[in-house]
Protein backbone atom coordinates (compact mmCIF):
# COMPACT_ATOMS: atom_id res chain seq x y z
CA UNK A 1 -4.38 12.17 -10.22
CA UNK A 2 -2.51 8.88 -10.30
CA UNK A 3 -1.51 6.88 -13.36
CA UNK A 4 -4.26 4.42 -12.48
CA UNK A 5 -6.79 7.30 -12.56
CA UNK A 6 -7.88 7.12 -8.92
CA UNK A 7 -8.14 10.18 -6.70
CA UNK A 8 -8.06 10.39 -2.92
CA UNK A 9 -11.44 10.76 -1.20
CA UNK A 10 -10.83 9.87 2.46
CA UNK A 11 -8.94 7.68 4.89
CA UNK A 12 -11.43 5.94 7.15
CA UNK A 13 -10.17 4.88 10.56
CA UNK A 14 -12.20 1.99 11.94
CA UNK A 15 -12.02 -1.43 13.52
CA UNK A 16 -10.92 -4.19 11.16
CA UNK A 17 -14.14 -6.16 11.76
CA UNK A 18 -16.18 -3.39 10.15
CA UNK A 19 -14.22 -3.06 6.91
CA UNK A 20 -16.17 -5.78 5.09
CA UNK A 21 -19.26 -3.56 5.02
CA UNK A 22 -17.50 -1.29 2.50
CA UNK A 23 -18.02 -2.24 -1.13
CA UNK A 24 -16.25 -2.71 -3.37
CA UNK A 25 -13.39 -3.86 -1.19
CA UNK A 26 -10.25 -3.71 -3.32
CA UNK A 27 -6.69 -4.93 -2.79
CA UNK A 28 -4.63 -4.25 0.33
CA UNK A 29 -1.67 -2.04 1.19
CA UNK A 30 1.26 -3.01 3.43
CA UNK A 31 2.97 0.03 4.96
CA UNK A 32 6.28 -0.84 6.61
CA UNK A 33 8.37 1.59 8.65
CA UNK A 34 11.95 1.01 9.73
CA UNK A 35 13.98 3.58 11.65
CA UNK A 36 11.45 6.29 10.84
CA UNK A 37 11.49 5.59 7.09
CA UNK A 38 8.91 3.89 4.88
CA UNK A 39 9.54 0.95 2.60
CA UNK A 40 8.66 1.85 -0.98
CA UNK A 41 9.16 0.03 -4.25
CA UNK A 42 9.65 1.09 -7.87
CA UNK A 43 7.02 -0.32 -10.22
CA UNK A 44 8.57 -0.58 -13.68
CA UNK A 45 5.17 -0.87 -15.41
CA UNK A 46 3.80 2.35 -13.92
CA UNK A 47 7.25 3.98 -13.79
CA UNK A 48 6.70 5.22 -10.24
CA UNK A 49 7.56 4.64 -6.61
CA UNK A 50 4.71 3.23 -4.55
CA UNK A 51 3.79 1.39 -1.38
CA UNK A 52 3.58 -2.41 -1.60
CA UNK A 53 -0.01 -3.25 -2.53
CA UNK A 54 -2.14 -5.34 -4.82
CA UNK A 55 -5.34 -7.22 -5.49
CA UNK A 56 -6.76 -10.06 -3.44
CA UNK A 57 -6.72 -13.59 -4.70
CA UNK A 58 -9.67 -15.97 -4.35
CA UNK A 59 -10.59 -16.71 -0.69
CA UNK A 60 -7.79 -14.47 0.60
CA UNK A 61 -8.46 -12.15 3.53
CA UNK A 62 -7.44 -8.48 3.24
CA UNK A 63 -4.57 -9.10 5.71
CA UNK A 64 -3.37 -12.19 3.84
CA UNK A 65 -3.40 -10.09 0.67
CA UNK A 66 -1.24 -7.38 2.28
CA UNK A 67 1.24 -9.97 3.54
CA UNK A 68 1.47 -11.76 0.17
CA UNK A 69 1.83 -8.55 -1.84
CA UNK A 70 4.51 -7.28 0.55
CA UNK A 71 6.49 -10.48 0.06
CA UNK A 72 5.95 -10.72 -3.71
CA UNK A 73 6.91 -7.11 -4.35
CA UNK A 74 9.69 -6.53 -1.81
CA UNK A 75 10.80 -9.90 -0.41
CA UNK A 76 9.73 -8.90 3.11
CA UNK A 77 7.93 -11.25 5.48
CA UNK A 78 6.10 -9.42 8.26
CA UNK A 79 3.60 -11.35 10.33
CA UNK A 80 2.49 -8.61 12.74
CA UNK A 81 0.71 -6.32 10.27
CA UNK A 82 -1.97 -4.27 12.00
CA UNK A 83 -5.04 -2.87 10.27
CA UNK A 84 -4.99 0.95 10.43
CA UNK A 85 -7.79 2.02 8.11
CA UNK A 86 -9.44 2.05 4.75
CA UNK A 87 -8.31 4.19 1.83
CA UNK A 88 -11.33 5.47 -0.07
CA UNK A 89 -10.68 6.65 -3.62
CA UNK A 90 -12.69 7.31 -6.76
CA UNK A 91 -12.01 6.76 -10.42
CA UNK A 92 -11.43 10.13 -12.08
CA UNK A 93 -13.49 9.32 -15.17
CA UNK A 94 -16.34 7.16 -13.85
CA UNK A 95 -16.61 8.39 -10.26
CA UNK A 96 -16.69 4.76 -9.06
CA UNK A 97 -15.57 4.40 -5.43
CA UNK A 98 -13.19 1.73 -4.18
CA UNK A 99 -11.91 0.87 -0.70
CA UNK A 100 -8.42 -0.46 0.03
CA UNK A 101 -7.57 -1.92 3.44
CA UNK A 102 -4.28 -0.54 4.79
CA UNK A 103 -2.02 -2.52 7.15
CA UNK A 104 1.04 -1.27 9.01
CA UNK A 105 4.06 -2.67 10.85
CA UNK A 106 7.37 -1.50 12.22
CA UNK A 107 10.42 -3.64 11.52
CA UNK A 108 14.04 -3.62 12.67
CA UNK A 109 15.57 -5.30 9.60
CA UNK A 110 14.87 -5.86 5.93
CA UNK A 111 15.27 -9.15 4.14
CA UNK A 112 17.16 -9.16 0.83
CA UNK A 113 15.28 -7.86 -2.19
CA UNK A 114 15.16 -9.83 -5.42
CA UNK A 115 14.07 -7.93 -8.51
CA UNK A 116 10.92 -9.35 -10.08
CA UNK A 117 8.78 -8.78 -13.18
CA UNK A 118 6.98 -5.82 -11.57
CA UNK A 119 9.32 -4.26 -8.98
CA UNK A 120 12.92 -3.40 -9.82
CA UNK A 121 14.06 -1.59 -6.66
CA UNK A 122 13.10 -0.93 -3.05
CA UNK A 123 14.24 1.77 -0.65
CA UNK A 124 13.52 3.27 2.73
CA UNK A 125 12.15 6.80 2.32
CA UNK A 126 11.67 9.48 4.98
CA UNK A 127 8.49 10.81 3.27
CA UNK A 128 9.93 14.33 3.21
CA UNK A 129 12.94 14.16 0.91
CA UNK A 130 11.76 15.07 -2.60
CA UNK A 131 11.20 11.95 -4.68
CA UNK A 132 10.34 11.90 -8.36
CA UNK A 133 7.35 9.85 -9.44
CA UNK A 134 5.82 8.76 -6.12
CA UNK A 135 2.19 7.71 -6.38
CA UNK A 136 0.15 10.65 -4.97
CA UNK A 137 -2.57 8.34 -3.65
CA UNK A 138 0.04 6.37 -1.73
CA UNK A 139 1.49 9.64 -0.42
CA UNK A 140 -1.87 10.48 1.13
CA UNK A 141 -1.84 7.19 3.07
CA UNK A 142 1.42 8.20 4.77
CA UNK A 143 -0.32 11.31 6.15
CA UNK A 144 -2.36 8.98 8.38
CA UNK A 145 0.53 6.97 9.83
CA UNK A 146 1.25 7.96 13.41
């Protein structure tokens, strides 16, 4: 179980146009790969490594959310994010389901990172080297990246 009390249920692969039929539709993930490694960030509030992600703001599309969160958390601007699926998870105590759109892009370079009030470090991770305190829900997403 994660620190935010959500457990993995499924990763639904679908066309982006159909994702809006899933309720509730929660915040978006931005999965970035460079040279075979994934961009992860250290969240000082949750004291864990995680993928860039966060909640949608008013009138923001899921893709706009992924792009904004990626920039706010890691300083990266990636315009060619592609929708790859929907993470379905449930709250461990209430059983409530939520659905997070997941976007993906490959990049050749990283822009400089500036520490912020939430994220204190970023790194490229190969997803196999042992890493302390990586969000297990986020780890499941990486299983679906081709």
